[in-house]
Amino acid sequence: MRDEQREPPSEAAPPWKTGLFLNEQGLRPGWRLVVFVLLLLGLSFPLHDLIRIIVHFRESSFPVMGVELFEEVGAFGIVLLASFVMSRIEHRPMGKYGLPANELLGGKFWLGFLFGLAEISLLVGLIAAFGGYSFGSLALRGNALLLWGLFHLLLFLVVGLYEEFLFRGYLQFTLGDGIGFWPAALLLSLLFGSGHLTNPGEGIVGATSVFLIRLVWCFTLRRTGSLWYAVGMHASFDWGETFLFSVPNSGTVWEGHLSNAVLHPGPKWLTGGTVGPEGSVFCFLTMGLQVLVVLWLFPRKKPG
């Protein structure tokens, strides 16, 4: 009797063929996020070591604001480099992550800059109208005024680039690919807002304001197709708050502000207290107006 021919034992399919690591687009979003975060961590340690070395050798003669700018430039460079590596892995142009080079400091940026400055001016103006703010005497004059004004402008441009690209660049793009744009926007904005609770004097109102403005900037990303409007708005709002109106920025009073401004004692809901105008209830009004501005400037495109 002839032996029956047996089928060779079937081998288990490799994990990358079961959908654990790959889908039809390539590496799954969750794994891409893991790789990106590992890149950020790996690149961050050398930067922190370099800053410690510089500060140690310069000791107290190293200007604090110089360290701040150096850290922000380095942090943005790390996010940029990590995003570039991911773009090569994923075979995507870098512009897909929110900062297309052809829009560098273009019209969207300057529109955002204009309306960011308008927002902080309106916000501080409302606080002043209810007796919560006085501009005070000038703290800077001549060359010092010009140099500090330009320094803060550069600093907050870098801060805007860094924070927008970190939270609404690759992370937003990839997490949105996995769970949808708005769930990703809510999660990342909540993460950033809760992180502000560690700032000096920060409270629930201020942290909620930070959370909501991040959602507004996600909305600008959705409507404009890039982060440049949000970067301009972020930079000018911080510049106006810190330098021009010389009030606390998320609980911090920076060196080199324009005037000896005063947030008068009074209800915290009005002035924001030690947090600054971000903690004022009027901030929610100005954010709502910003949404209307974006709806006006960038109407939804009708399907062709």
Protein backbone atom coordinates (compact mmCIF):
# COMPACT_ATOMS: atom_id res chain seq x y z
CA MET A 1 0.00 0.00 0.00
CA ARG A 2 1.44 3.32 -1.08
CA ASP A 3 2.02 5.96 1.63
CA GLU A 4 -0.11 9.04 1.28
CA GLN A 5 1.85 12.14 0.40
CA ARG A 6 1.78 14.50 3.35
CA GLU A 7 1.51 18.26 3.15
CA PRO A 8 4.62 20.01 4.47
CA PRO A 9 3.93 21.63 7.85
CA SER A 10 2.72 25.18 7.42
CA GLU A 11 4.99 27.90 8.76
CA ALA A 12 3.64 30.81 10.76
CA ALA A 13 3.51 34.01 8.76
CA PRO A 14 6.15 36.57 9.76
CA PRO A 15 4.82 39.34 12.04
CA TRP A 16 5.22 41.95 9.34
CA LYS A 17 2.79 39.97 7.16
CA THR A 18 0.13 39.69 9.85
CA GLY A 19 -0.45 43.42 10.10
CA LEU A 20 1.30 43.85 13.46
CA PHE A 21 3.98 46.14 12.04
CA LEU A 22 2.83 47.04 8.53
CA ASN A 23 -0.33 48.01 6.74
CA GLU A 24 -0.93 48.87 3.11
CA GLN A 25 0.78 52.26 3.60
CA GLY A 26 3.91 50.83 5.26
CA LEU A 27 4.93 50.97 8.92
CA ARG A 28 1.92 51.43 11.17
CA PRO A 29 1.43 54.89 12.79
CA GLY A 30 2.03 53.59 16.32
CA TRP A 31 5.44 52.17 15.42
CA ARG A 32 6.34 55.33 13.53
CA LEU A 33 5.57 57.36 16.64
CA VAL A 34 7.77 55.05 18.73
CA VAL A 35 10.67 55.51 16.32
CA PHE A 36 10.16 59.29 16.29
CA VAL A 37 10.09 59.59 20.10
CA LEU A 38 13.21 57.43 20.39
CA LEU A 39 14.94 59.70 17.88
CA LEU A 40 13.95 62.78 19.90
CA LEU A 41 15.24 61.26 23.13
CA GLY A 42 18.47 60.08 21.54
CA LEU A 43 19.18 63.50 20.04
CA SER A 44 18.20 65.47 23.15
CA PHE A 45 20.83 64.11 25.54
CA PRO A 46 23.85 65.54 23.64
CA LEU A 47 22.17 68.98 23.51
CA HIS A 48 21.57 69.07 27.26
CA ASP A 49 25.15 67.96 27.92
CA LEU A 50 26.49 70.69 25.62
CA ILE A 51 24.42 73.37 27.39
CA ARG A 52 25.68 72.23 30.80
CA ILE A 53 29.29 72.36 29.58
CA ILE A 54 28.89 75.88 28.15
CA VAL A 55 27.18 77.23 31.26
CA HIS A 56 29.76 75.56 33.53
CA PHE A 57 32.72 77.16 31.75
CA ARG A 58 31.09 80.57 31.46
CA GLU A 59 29.61 80.33 34.97
CA SER A 60 27.54 83.37 35.97
CA SER A 61 28.83 85.48 33.07
CA PHE A 62 26.73 83.47 30.60
CA PRO A 63 23.49 85.42 30.02
CA VAL A 64 20.36 83.56 31.07
CA MET A 65 18.43 84.71 28.00
CA GLY A 66 21.29 83.50 25.79
CA VAL A 67 20.90 80.03 27.31
CA GLU A 68 17.16 80.19 26.68
CA LEU A 69 17.61 81.05 23.00
CA PHE A 70 20.33 78.42 22.61
CA GLU A 71 18.05 75.77 24.12
CA GLU A 72 15.10 76.71 21.90
CA VAL A 73 17.20 76.71 18.71
CA GLY A 74 18.70 73.34 19.67
CA ALA A 75 15.30 71.86 20.55
CA PHE A 76 13.78 72.99 17.25
CA GLY A 77 16.81 71.59 15.39
CA ILE A 78 16.31 68.21 17.09
CA VAL A 79 12.62 68.04 16.11
CA LEU A 80 13.52 69.13 12.57
CA LEU A 81 16.24 66.48 12.27
CA ALA A 82 14.06 63.71 13.72
CA SER A 83 11.25 64.66 11.33
CA PHE A 84 13.68 64.67 8.40
CA VAL A 85 14.84 61.14 9.29
CA MET A 86 11.20 59.98 9.44
CA SER A 87 10.49 61.62 6.09
CA ARG A 88 13.32 59.58 4.55
CA ILE A 89 12.05 56.38 6.18
CA GLU A 90 8.51 57.04 4.99
CA HIS A 91 9.48 58.46 1.58
CA ARG A 92 7.48 61.64 2.18
CA PRO A 93 8.44 65.29 1.58
CA MET A 94 9.10 67.22 4.81
CA GLY A 95 6.38 69.70 3.90
CA LYS A 96 3.76 67.03 4.68
CA TYR A 97 4.52 67.59 8.37
CA GLY A 98 3.31 71.18 8.36
CA LEU A 99 6.20 73.49 7.43
CA PRO A 100 6.46 73.48 3.62
CA ALA A 101 9.62 75.35 2.59
CA ASN A 102 7.86 77.23 -0.21
CA GLU A 103 5.74 79.03 2.44
CA LEU A 104 8.73 80.00 4.63
CA LEU A 105 7.88 83.36 6.28
CA GLY A 106 5.34 83.95 3.53
CA GLY A 107 1.84 85.41 3.49
CA LYS A 108 0.28 82.94 5.93
CA PHE A 109 3.02 83.62 8.49
CA TRP A 110 2.55 87.40 8.33
CA LEU A 111 -1.24 87.12 8.50
CA GLY A 112 -0.85 84.99 11.63
CA PHE A 113 1.69 87.48 13.02
CA LEU A 114 -0.70 90.39 12.44
CA PHE A 115 -3.70 88.72 14.06
CA GLY A 116 -1.64 87.33 16.95
CA LEU A 117 -0.48 90.86 17.75
CA ALA A 118 -4.05 92.12 17.37
CA GLU A 119 -5.28 89.45 19.79
CA ILE A 120 -2.81 90.21 22.59
CA SER A 121 -3.44 93.96 22.12
CA LEU A 122 -7.21 93.45 22.41
CA LEU A 123 -6.77 91.12 25.39
CA VAL A 124 -4.56 93.53 27.34
CA GLY A 125 -6.78 96.45 26.25
CA LEU A 126 -9.86 94.74 27.74
CA ILE A 127 -8.01 94.05 30.99
CA ALA A 128 -6.91 97.72 31.10
CA ALA A 129 -10.44 98.95 30.36
CA PHE A 130 -11.66 97.20 33.51
CA GLY A 131 -8.81 98.65 35.58
CA GLY A 132 -6.57 95.60 35.65
CA TYR A 133 -3.52 96.83 33.71
CA SER A 134 -1.30 99.91 33.44
CA PHE A 135 1.54 100.28 30.93
CA GLY A 136 3.81 102.16 33.36
CA SER A 137 7.02 104.00 32.56
CA LEU A 138 9.50 102.86 29.93
CA ALA A 139 12.07 100.39 31.25
CA LEU A 140 14.22 100.52 28.08
CA ARG A 141 15.46 103.31 25.84
CA GLY A 142 17.68 103.80 22.82
CA ASN A 143 19.78 100.87 21.66
CA ALA A 144 18.68 98.68 24.56
CA LEU A 145 15.05 99.01 23.47
CA LEU A 146 15.86 98.05 19.89
CA LEU A 147 18.18 95.16 20.83
CA TRP A 148 15.83 93.64 23.40
CA GLY A 149 12.86 94.05 21.07
CA LEU A 150 14.68 92.21 18.27
CA PHE A 151 16.04 89.58 20.66
CA HIS A 152 12.56 88.72 21.97
CA LEU A 153 11.22 88.69 18.42
CA LEU A 154 13.88 86.14 17.43
CA LEU A 155 13.38 84.12 20.61
CA PHE A 156 9.63 83.83 20.21
CA LEU A 157 9.89 83.07 16.51
CA VAL A 158 12.03 80.07 17.46
CA VAL A 159 9.67 79.18 20.33
CA GLY A 160 6.74 79.29 17.90
CA LEU A 161 8.56 77.10 15.38
CA TYR A 162 9.63 74.61 18.04
CA GLU A 163 6.33 74.22 19.88
CA GLU A 164 4.16 74.22 16.76
CA PHE A 165 6.35 71.74 14.91
CA LEU A 166 6.77 69.48 17.94
CA PHE A 167 3.07 69.17 18.78
CA ARG A 168 1.39 69.89 15.45
CA GLY A 169 4.05 68.65 13.03
CA TYR A 170 5.08 65.01 12.79
CA LEU A 171 3.19 63.98 15.96
CA GLN A 172 -0.10 65.46 14.73
CA PHE A 173 0.37 64.08 11.21
CA THR A 174 1.17 60.55 12.33
CA LEU A 175 -1.20 60.26 15.30
CA GLY A 176 -3.91 61.71 13.08
CA ASP A 177 -3.12 59.00 10.53
CA GLY A 178 -3.88 56.43 13.21
CA ILE A 179 -6.86 57.84 15.15
CA GLY A 180 -8.07 60.80 13.08
CA PHE A 181 -7.13 64.48 12.95
CA TRP A 182 -9.34 65.87 15.73
CA PRO A 183 -8.87 63.04 18.26
CA ALA A 184 -5.10 63.51 17.78
CA ALA A 185 -5.47 67.30 18.11
CA LEU A 186 -7.46 66.93 21.35
CA LEU A 187 -4.97 64.48 22.86
CA LEU A 188 -1.85 66.51 22.02
CA SER A 189 -3.45 69.82 23.08
CA LEU A 190 -4.54 68.27 26.38
CA LEU A 191 -1.00 66.99 26.91
CA PHE A 192 0.47 70.45 26.32
CA GLY A 193 -2.15 72.23 28.44
CA SER A 194 -1.68 69.88 31.40
CA GLY A 195 2.08 70.39 31.14
CA HIS A 196 1.52 74.12 31.79
CA LEU A 197 0.18 73.30 35.26
CA THR A 198 3.83 72.92 36.33
CA ASN A 199 4.56 76.59 35.46
CA PRO A 200 4.90 79.11 38.34
CA GLY A 201 1.48 80.34 39.47
CA GLU A 202 -0.39 78.45 36.75
CA GLY A 203 -3.98 77.39 37.46
CA ILE A 204 -6.89 75.60 35.83
CA VAL A 205 -8.12 78.67 33.92
CA GLY A 206 -4.67 79.38 32.46
CA ALA A 207 -4.05 75.73 31.55
CA THR A 208 -7.51 75.53 29.95
CA SER A 209 -6.70 78.66 27.95
CA VAL A 210 -3.45 77.07 26.76
CA PHE A 211 -5.34 73.88 25.82
CA LEU A 212 -7.93 75.81 23.82
CA ILE A 213 -5.45 78.02 21.97
CA ARG A 214 -3.64 74.85 20.89
CA LEU A 215 -6.93 73.60 19.47
CA VAL A 216 -7.34 76.93 17.66
CA TRP A 217 -3.90 76.44 16.12
CA CYS A 218 -4.90 72.90 15.09
CA PHE A 219 -7.90 74.50 13.42
CA THR A 220 -5.60 76.89 11.54
CA LEU A 221 -3.54 73.89 10.41
CA ARG A 222 -6.69 72.21 9.16
CA ARG A 223 -7.89 75.30 7.27
CA THR A 224 -4.59 76.64 5.90
CA GLY A 225 -2.85 73.31 5.21
CA SER A 226 0.32 74.34 7.05
CA LEU A 227 1.66 75.57 10.40
CA TRP A 228 2.95 78.92 9.17
CA TYR A 229 -0.14 80.89 10.20
CA ALA A 230 0.02 79.35 13.70
CA VAL A 231 3.78 80.00 13.97
CA GLY A 232 3.29 83.69 13.15
CA MET A 233 0.38 84.02 15.56
CA HIS A 234 2.24 82.18 18.33
CA ALA A 235 5.38 84.30 17.92
CA SER A 236 3.62 87.68 17.89
CA PHE A 237 1.27 86.84 20.78
CA ASP A 238 4.21 85.82 22.99
CA TRP A 239 6.27 88.83 21.85
CA GLY A 240 3.43 91.23 22.57
CA GLU A 241 2.72 89.68 25.96
CA THR A 242 6.36 89.47 27.10
CA PHE A 243 8.05 92.49 25.55
CA LEU A 244 5.50 95.00 24.26
CA PHE A 245 3.03 94.87 27.17
CA SER A 246 5.60 93.56 29.68
CA VAL A 247 3.30 91.14 31.54
CA PRO A 248 3.87 87.56 32.76
CA ASN A 249 3.90 84.91 30.05
CA SER A 250 2.52 81.67 31.51
CA GLY A 251 3.72 82.78 34.95
CA THR A 252 7.17 83.97 33.87
CA VAL A 253 8.34 87.61 33.76
CA TRP A 254 11.18 87.77 31.26
CA GLU A 255 14.24 89.96 31.30
CA GLY A 256 14.38 92.92 28.91
CA HIS A 257 10.74 94.04 28.77
CA LEU A 258 9.66 97.40 27.38
CA SER A 259 7.92 99.01 30.35
CA ASN A 260 7.36 98.80 34.09
CA ALA A 261 3.84 97.53 33.49
CA VAL A 262 1.54 96.57 36.33
CA LEU A 263 -1.27 94.03 36.57
CA HIS A 264 -3.25 95.64 39.38
CA PRO A 265 -4.52 93.67 42.38
CA GLY A 266 -8.02 92.53 41.66
CA PRO A 267 -10.02 89.51 40.63
CA LYS A 268 -7.89 86.82 39.06
CA TRP A 269 -10.54 86.20 36.42
CA LEU A 270 -9.82 89.69 35.08
CA THR A 271 -6.02 89.95 35.09
CA GLY A 272 -4.99 86.29 35.15
CA GLY A 273 -3.02 86.94 38.33
CA THR A 274 0.55 85.68 38.36
CA VAL A 275 -0.10 83.66 35.19
CA GLY A 276 -0.68 86.80 33.15
CA PRO A 277 -3.34 87.59 30.53
CA GLU A 278 -3.57 83.93 29.44
CA GLY A 279 -5.40 83.33 32.72
CA SER A 280 -7.99 86.08 32.11
CA VAL A 281 -11.52 85.14 31.09
CA PHE A 282 -11.17 87.66 28.25
CA CYS A 283 -8.68 85.24 26.66
CA PHE A 284 -11.58 82.92 25.82
CA LEU A 285 -13.33 85.80 24.04
CA THR A 286 -10.25 86.70 21.97
CA MET A 287 -9.72 83.04 21.03
CA GLY A 288 -13.29 82.83 19.79
CA LEU A 289 -12.68 85.91 17.66
CA GLN A 290 -9.54 84.27 16.25
CA VAL A 291 -11.63 81.31 15.09
CA LEU A 292 -13.98 83.70 13.29
CA VAL A 293 -10.99 85.41 11.66
CA VAL A 294 -9.65 82.09 10.36
CA LEU A 295 -13.11 81.12 9.07
CA TRP A 296 -13.18 84.45 7.22
CA LEU A 297 -9.62 84.31 5.88
CA PHE A 298 -9.65 80.63 4.91
CA PRO A 299 -13.18 79.50 3.98
CA ARG A 300 -13.74 75.80 3.48
CA LYS A 301 -13.10 74.82 -0.12
CA LYS A 302 -16.14 73.48 -1.90
CA PRO A 303 -15.66 70.02 -3.42
CA GLY A 304 -14.85 70.29 -7.10
